[in-house]
Amino acid sequence: MPLYSYKCKDGHTFDLPGRMDGSDAPTRCMVFVDRDDPSRRCDAAVERVIAAPARVFPGADSWRR
């Protein structure tokens, strides 16, 4: 399963494995606000973050080398 990054409206970011069609994507933030009290979560709306590709080719003929 690929790993996707998510960001909530409050600025928290987290990564989760998920399906490519996005059917199991979270709708609420899963970050704990208080580590001592696990019932206190951020619970803000989240959106998937689109990341840049890992490999960037420097020129037009760089793939031939």
PDB file of N, CA and C in Angstrom:
ATOM      1  N   MET A   1       0.833  -1.184   0.000  1.00  0.00           N
ATOM      2  CA  MET A   1       0.000   0.000   0.000  1.00  0.00           C
ATOM      3  C   MET A   1       0.877   1.247   0.000  1.00  0.00           C
ATOM      4  N   PRO A   2       0.528   2.228  -0.800  1.00  0.00           N
ATOM      5  CA  PRO A   2       1.302   3.471  -0.797  1.00  0.00           C
ATOM      6  C   PRO A   2       1.063   4.288   0.471  1.00  0.00           C
ATOM      7  N   LEU A   3       1.995   5.159   0.758  1.00  0.00           N
ATOM      8  CA  LEU A   3       1.926   6.009   1.938  1.00  0.00           C
ATOM      9  C   LEU A   3       1.498   7.413   1.506  1.00  0.00           C
ATOM     10  N   TYR A   4       0.440   7.930   2.097  1.00  0.00           N
ATOM     11  CA  TYR A   4      -0.078   9.250   1.754  1.00  0.00           C
ATOM     12  C   TYR A   4       0.061  10.204   2.927  1.00  0.00           C
ATOM     13  N   SER A   5       0.302  11.472   2.622  1.00  0.00           N
ATOM     14  CA  SER A   5       0.417  12.508   3.646  1.00  0.00           C
ATOM     15  C   SER A   5      -0.893  13.274   3.726  1.00  0.00           C
ATOM     16  N   TYR A   6      -1.272  13.640   4.944  1.00  0.00           N
ATOM     17  CA  TYR A   6      -2.486  14.392   5.194  1.00  0.00           C
ATOM     18  C   TYR A   6      -2.164  15.597   6.066  1.00  0.00           C
ATOM     19  N   LYS A   7      -2.942  16.674   5.896  1.00  0.00           N
ATOM     20  CA  LYS A   7      -2.766  17.879   6.702  1.00  0.00           C
ATOM     21  C   LYS A   7      -4.145  18.363   7.134  1.00  0.00           C
ATOM     22  N   CYS A   8      -4.248  18.710   8.424  1.00  0.00           N
ATOM     23  CA  CYS A   8      -5.539  19.189   8.918  1.00  0.00           C
ATOM     24  C   CYS A   8      -5.580  20.719   8.858  1.00  0.00           C
ATOM     25  N   LYS A   9      -6.734  21.259   9.104  1.00  0.00           N
ATOM     26  CA  LYS A   9      -6.935  22.711   9.047  1.00  0.00           C
ATOM     27  C   LYS A   9      -6.177  23.443  10.153  1.00  0.00           C
ATOM     28  N   ASP A  10      -5.808  22.716  11.239  1.00  0.00           N
ATOM     29  CA  ASP A  10      -5.046  23.314  12.333  1.00  0.00           C
ATOM     30  C   ASP A  10      -3.546  23.249  12.112  1.00  0.00           C
ATOM     31  N   GLY A  11      -3.102  22.590  11.033  1.00  0.00           N
ATOM     32  CA  GLY A  11      -1.683  22.548  10.700  1.00  0.00           C
ATOM     33  C   GLY A  11      -0.961  21.268  11.047  1.00  0.00           C
ATOM     34  N   HIS A  12      -1.638  20.285  11.627  1.00  0.00           N
ATOM     35  CA  HIS A  12      -0.995  19.009  11.940  1.00  0.00           C
ATOM     36  C   HIS A  12      -0.817  18.202  10.661  1.00  0.00           C
ATOM     37  N   THR A  13       0.295  17.495  10.551  1.00  0.00           N
ATOM     38  CA  THR A  13       0.524  16.616   9.408  1.00  0.00           C
ATOM     39  C   THR A  13       0.782  15.197   9.907  1.00  0.00           C
ATOM     40  N   PHE A  14       0.340  14.203   9.122  1.00  0.00           N
ATOM     41  CA  PHE A  14       0.578  12.805   9.445  1.00  0.00           C
ATOM     42  C   PHE A  14       0.517  11.987   8.166  1.00  0.00           C
ATOM     43  N   ASP A  15       1.163  10.816   8.204  1.00  0.00           N
ATOM     44  CA  ASP A  15       1.218   9.903   7.065  1.00  0.00           C
ATOM     45  C   ASP A  15       0.493   8.609   7.416  1.00  0.00           C
ATOM     46  N   LEU A  16      -0.255   8.088   6.437  1.00  0.00           N
ATOM     47  CA  LEU A  16      -0.965   6.830   6.621  1.00  0.00           C
ATOM     48  C   LEU A  16      -0.903   6.017   5.336  1.00  0.00           C
ATOM     49  N   PRO A  17      -0.791   4.688   5.448  1.00  0.00           N
ATOM     50  CA  PRO A  17      -0.910   3.867   4.247  1.00  0.00           C
ATOM     51  C   PRO A  17      -2.371   3.841   3.817  1.00  0.00           C
ATOM     52  N   GLY A  18      -2.585   3.741   2.515  1.00  0.00           N
ATOM     53  CA  GLY A  18      -3.960   3.739   2.044  1.00  0.00           C
ATOM     54  C   GLY A  18      -4.093   3.205   0.641  1.00  0.00           C
ATOM     55  N   ARG A  19      -5.304   3.037   0.221  1.00  0.00           N
ATOM     56  CA  ARG A  19      -5.596   2.540  -1.122  1.00  0.00           C
ATOM     57  C   ARG A  19      -5.485   3.684  -2.124  1.00  0.00           C
ATOM     58  N   MET A  20      -5.179   3.350  -3.357  1.00  0.00           N
ATOM     59  CA  MET A  20      -4.993   4.373  -4.385  1.00  0.00           C
ATOM     60  C   MET A  20      -6.298   5.088  -4.738  1.00  0.00           C
ATOM     61  N   ASP A  21      -7.425   4.404  -4.590  1.00  0.00           N
ATOM     62  CA  ASP A  21      -8.696   5.044  -4.921  1.00  0.00           C
ATOM     63  C   ASP A  21      -9.185   5.984  -3.816  1.00  0.00           C
ATOM     64  N   GLY A  22      -8.534   5.956  -2.655  1.00  0.00           N
ATOM     65  CA  GLY A  22      -8.874   6.876  -1.577  1.00  0.00           C
ATOM     66  C   GLY A  22     -10.105   6.494  -0.790  1.00  0.00           C
ATOM     67  N   SER A  23     -10.569   5.255  -0.931  1.00  0.00           N
ATOM     68  CA  SER A  23     -11.793   4.850  -0.241  1.00  0.00           C
ATOM     69  C   SER A  23     -11.613   4.750   1.271  1.00  0.00           C
ATOM     70  N   ASP A  24     -10.367   4.576   1.732  1.00  0.00           N
ATOM     71  CA  ASP A  24     -10.137   4.475   3.170  1.00  0.00           C
ATOM     72  C   ASP A  24      -9.437   5.710   3.731  1.00  0.00           C
ATOM     73  N   ALA A  25      -9.536   6.825   3.047  1.00  0.00           N
ATOM     74  CA  ALA A  25      -8.889   8.063   3.491  1.00  0.00           C
ATOM     75  C   ALA A  25      -9.592   8.618   4.729  1.00  0.00           C
ATOM     76  N   PRO A  26      -8.819   9.143   5.681  1.00  0.00           N
ATOM     77  CA  PRO A  26      -9.442   9.703   6.893  1.00  0.00           C
ATOM     78  C   PRO A  26     -10.145  11.022   6.584  1.00  0.00           C
ATOM     79  N   THR A  27     -11.160  11.333   7.359  1.00  0.00           N
ATOM     80  CA  THR A  27     -11.873  12.599   7.187  1.00  0.00           C
ATOM     81  C   THR A  27     -11.584  13.566   8.323  1.00  0.00           C
ATOM     82  N   ARG A  28     -11.067  13.044   9.438  1.00  0.00           N
ATOM     83  CA  ARG A  28     -10.758  13.855  10.613  1.00  0.00           C
ATOM     84  C   ARG A  28      -9.317  13.642  11.050  1.00  0.00           C
ATOM     85  N   CYS A  29      -8.731  14.654  11.677  1.00  0.00           N
ATOM     86  CA  CYS A  29      -7.347  14.604  12.144  1.00  0.00           C
ATOM     87  C   CYS A  29      -7.204  13.584  13.270  1.00  0.00           C
ATOM     88  N   MET A  30      -6.119  12.816  13.217  1.00  0.00           N
ATOM     89  CA  MET A  30      -5.890  11.763  14.195  1.00  0.00           C
ATOM     90  C   MET A  30      -4.780  12.122  15.184  1.00  0.00           C
ATOM     91  N   VAL A  31      -4.307  13.353  15.163  1.00  0.00           N
ATOM     92  CA  VAL A  31      -3.208  13.771  16.038  1.00  0.00           C
ATOM     93  C   VAL A  31      -3.744  14.030  17.435  1.00  0.00           C
ATOM     94  N   PHE A  32      -3.037  13.497  18.435  1.00  0.00           N
ATOM     95  CA  PHE A  32      -3.417  13.720  19.824  1.00  0.00           C
ATOM     96  C   PHE A  32      -2.987  15.112  20.259  1.00  0.00           C
ATOM     97  N   VAL A  33      -3.887  15.880  20.839  1.00  0.00           N
ATOM     98  CA  VAL A  33      -3.586  17.219  21.332  1.00  0.00           C
ATOM     99  C   VAL A  33      -2.863  17.126  22.672  1.00  0.00           C
ATOM    100  N   ASP A  34      -3.279  16.187  23.496  1.00  0.00           N
ATOM    101  CA  ASP A  34      -2.681  15.993  24.811  1.00  0.00           C
ATOM    102  C   ASP A  34      -2.216  14.543  24.916  1.00  0.00           C
ATOM    103  N   ARG A  35      -0.893  14.319  25.018  1.00  0.00           N
ATOM    104  CA  ARG A  35      -0.358  12.955  25.071  1.00  0.00           C
ATOM    105  C   ARG A  35      -0.773  12.218  26.339  1.00  0.00           C
ATOM    106  N   ASP A  36      -1.051  12.935  27.422  1.00  0.00           N
ATOM    107  CA  ASP A  36      -1.459  12.292  28.667  1.00  0.00           C
ATOM    108  C   ASP A  36      -2.911  11.835  28.651  1.00  0.00           C
ATOM    109  N   ASP A  37      -3.726  12.464  27.816  1.00  0.00           N
ATOM    110  CA  ASP A  37      -5.144  12.116  27.732  1.00  0.00           C
ATOM    111  C   ASP A  37      -5.452  11.688  26.293  1.00  0.00           C
ATOM    112  N   PRO A  38      -5.466  10.369  25.975  1.00  0.00           N
ATOM    113  CA  PRO A  38      -5.666   9.914  24.601  1.00  0.00           C
ATOM    114  C   PRO A  38      -7.043  10.204  24.028  1.00  0.00           C
ATOM    115  N   SER A  39      -7.977  10.624  24.838  1.00  0.00           N
ATOM    116  CA  SER A  39      -9.304  10.939  24.311  1.00  0.00           C
ATOM    117  C   SER A  39      -9.347  12.322  23.659  1.00  0.00           C
ATOM    118  N   ARG A  40      -8.321  13.144  23.879  1.00  0.00           N
ATOM    119  CA  ARG A  40      -8.296  14.489  23.303  1.00  0.00           C
ATOM    120  C   ARG A  40      -7.539  14.478  21.975  1.00  0.00           C
ATOM    121  N   ARG A  41      -8.270  14.441  20.903  1.00  0.00           N
ATOM    122  CA  ARG A  41      -7.699  14.498  19.555  1.00  0.00           C
ATOM    123  C   ARG A  41      -8.047  15.838  18.926  1.00  0.00           C
ATOM    124  N   CYS A  42      -7.313  16.182  17.889  1.00  0.00           N
ATOM    125  CA  CYS A  42      -7.546  17.443  17.186  1.00  0.00           C
ATOM    126  C   CYS A  42      -8.937  17.432  16.534  1.00  0.00           C
ATOM    127  N   ASP A  43      -9.253  16.387  15.771  1.00  0.00           N
ATOM    128  CA  ASP A  43     -10.557  16.160  15.144  1.00  0.00           C
ATOM    129  C   ASP A  43     -10.965  17.240  14.137  1.00  0.00           C
ATOM    130  N   ALA A  44      -9.988  17.933  13.534  1.00  0.00           N
ATOM    131  CA  ALA A  44     -10.287  18.903  12.475  1.00  0.00           C
ATOM    132  C   ALA A  44     -10.362  18.179  11.131  1.00  0.00           C
ATOM    133  N   ALA A  45     -10.947  18.803  10.132  1.00  0.00           N
ATOM    134  CA  ALA A  45     -11.050  18.211   8.801  1.00  0.00           C
ATOM    135  C   ALA A  45      -9.666  18.113   8.161  1.00  0.00           C
ATOM    136  N   VAL A  46      -9.414  17.028   7.410  1.00  0.00           N
ATOM    137  CA  VAL A  46      -8.115  16.814   6.764  1.00  0.00           C
ATOM    138  C   VAL A  46      -8.255  16.791   5.259  1.00  0.00           C
ATOM    139  N   GLU A  47      -7.128  17.018   4.581  1.00  0.00           N
ATOM    140  CA  GLU A  47      -7.067  16.895   3.123  1.00  0.00           C
ATOM    141  C   GLU A  47      -5.746  16.240   2.759  1.00  0.00           C
ATOM    142  N   ARG A  48      -5.731  15.536   1.640  1.00  0.00           N
ATOM    143  CA  ARG A  48      -4.524  14.850   1.198  1.00  0.00           C
ATOM    144  C   ARG A  48      -3.547  15.863   0.610  1.00  0.00           C
ATOM    145  N   VAL A  49      -2.281  15.716   0.979  1.00  0.00           N
ATOM    146  CA  VAL A  49      -1.230  16.617   0.492  1.00  0.00           C
ATOM    147  C   VAL A  49      -0.591  15.987  -0.739  1.00  0.00           C
ATOM    148  N   ILE A  50      -0.500  16.747  -1.815  1.00  0.00           N
ATOM    149  CA  ILE A  50       0.143  16.283  -3.034  1.00  0.00           C
ATOM    150  C   ILE A  50       1.624  16.625  -2.942  1.00  0.00           C
ATOM    151  N   ALA A  51       2.479  15.607  -3.012  1.00  0.00           N
ATOM    152  CA  ALA A  51       3.916  15.800  -2.865  1.00  0.00           C
ATOM    153  C   ALA A  51       4.593  15.849  -4.230  1.00  0.00           C
ATOM    154  N   ALA A  52       5.751  16.486  -4.279  1.00  0.00           N
ATOM    155  CA  ALA A  52       6.552  16.536  -5.497  1.00  0.00           C
ATOM    156  C   ALA A  52       7.174  15.167  -5.751  1.00  0.00           C
ATOM    157  N   PRO A  53       7.486  14.845  -6.988  1.00  0.00           N
ATOM    158  CA  PRO A  53       8.115  13.554  -7.262  1.00  0.00           C
ATOM    159  C   PRO A  53       9.491  13.451  -6.611  1.00  0.00           C
ATOM    160  N   ALA A  54       9.900  12.240  -6.311  1.00  0.00           N
ATOM    161  CA  ALA A  54      11.173  12.023  -5.624  1.00  0.00           C
ATOM    162  C   ALA A  54      12.369  12.223  -6.550  1.00  0.00           C
ATOM    163  N   ARG A  55      12.226  11.984  -7.832  1.00  0.00           N
ATOM    164  CA  ARG A  55      13.342  12.104  -8.779  1.00  0.00           C
ATOM    165  C   ARG A  55      13.004  13.169  -9.801  1.00  0.00           C
ATOM    166  N   VAL A  56      13.882  14.135  -9.948  1.00  0.00           N
ATOM    167  CA  VAL A  56      13.718  15.192 -10.941  1.00  0.00           C
ATOM    168  C   VAL A  56      14.904  15.117 -11.886  1.00  0.00           C
ATOM    169  N   PHE A  57      14.633  14.970 -13.168  1.00  0.00           N
ATOM    170  CA  PHE A  57      15.699  14.869 -14.154  1.00  0.00           C
ATOM    171  C   PHE A  57      16.186  16.265 -14.539  1.00  0.00           C
ATOM    172  N   PRO A  58      17.517  16.478 -14.583  1.00  0.00           N
ATOM    173  CA  PRO A  58      18.045  17.812 -14.807  1.00  0.00           C
ATOM    174  C   PRO A  58      17.938  18.322 -16.246  1.00  0.00           C
ATOM    175  N   GLY A  59      17.846  17.448 -17.224  1.00  0.00           N
ATOM    176  CA  GLY A  59      17.792  17.921 -18.600  1.00  0.00           C
ATOM    177  C   GLY A  59      17.015  16.970 -19.488  1.00  0.00           C
ATOM    178  N   ALA A  60      16.891  17.357 -20.748  1.00  0.00           N
ATOM    179  CA  ALA A  60      16.103  16.572 -21.689  1.00  0.00           C
ATOM    180  C   ALA A  60      16.722  15.211 -21.976  1.00  0.00           C
ATOM    181  N   ASP A  61      18.049  15.105 -22.062  1.00  0.00           N
ATOM    182  CA  ASP A  61      18.697  13.844 -22.399  1.00  0.00           C
ATOM    183  C   ASP A  61      19.244  13.110 -21.183  1.00  0.00           C
ATOM    184  N   SER A  62      18.876  13.476 -19.989  1.00  0.00           N
ATOM    185  CA  SER A  62      19.445  12.864 -18.798  1.00  0.00           C
ATOM    186  C   SER A  62      18.998  11.422 -18.602  1.00  0.00           C
ATOM    187  N   TRP A  63      17.903  11.018 -19.182  1.00  0.00           N
ATOM    188  CA  TRP A  63      17.408   9.652 -19.012  1.00  0.00           C
ATOM    189  C   TRP A  63      18.235   8.645 -19.785  1.00  0.00           C
ATOM    190  N   ARG A  64      19.042   9.088 -20.765  1.00  0.00           N
ATOM    191  CA  ARG A  64      19.844   8.181 -21.590  1.00  0.00           C
ATOM    192  C   ARG A  64      21.122   7.753 -20.897  1.00  0.00           C
ATOM    193  N   ARG A  65      21.538   8.446 -19.869  1.00  0.00           N
ATOM    194  CA  ARG A  65      22.829   8.132 -19.243  1.00  0.00           C
ATOM    195  C   ARG A  65      22.752   6.983 -18.303  1.00  0.00           C
TER     196      ARG A  65
END
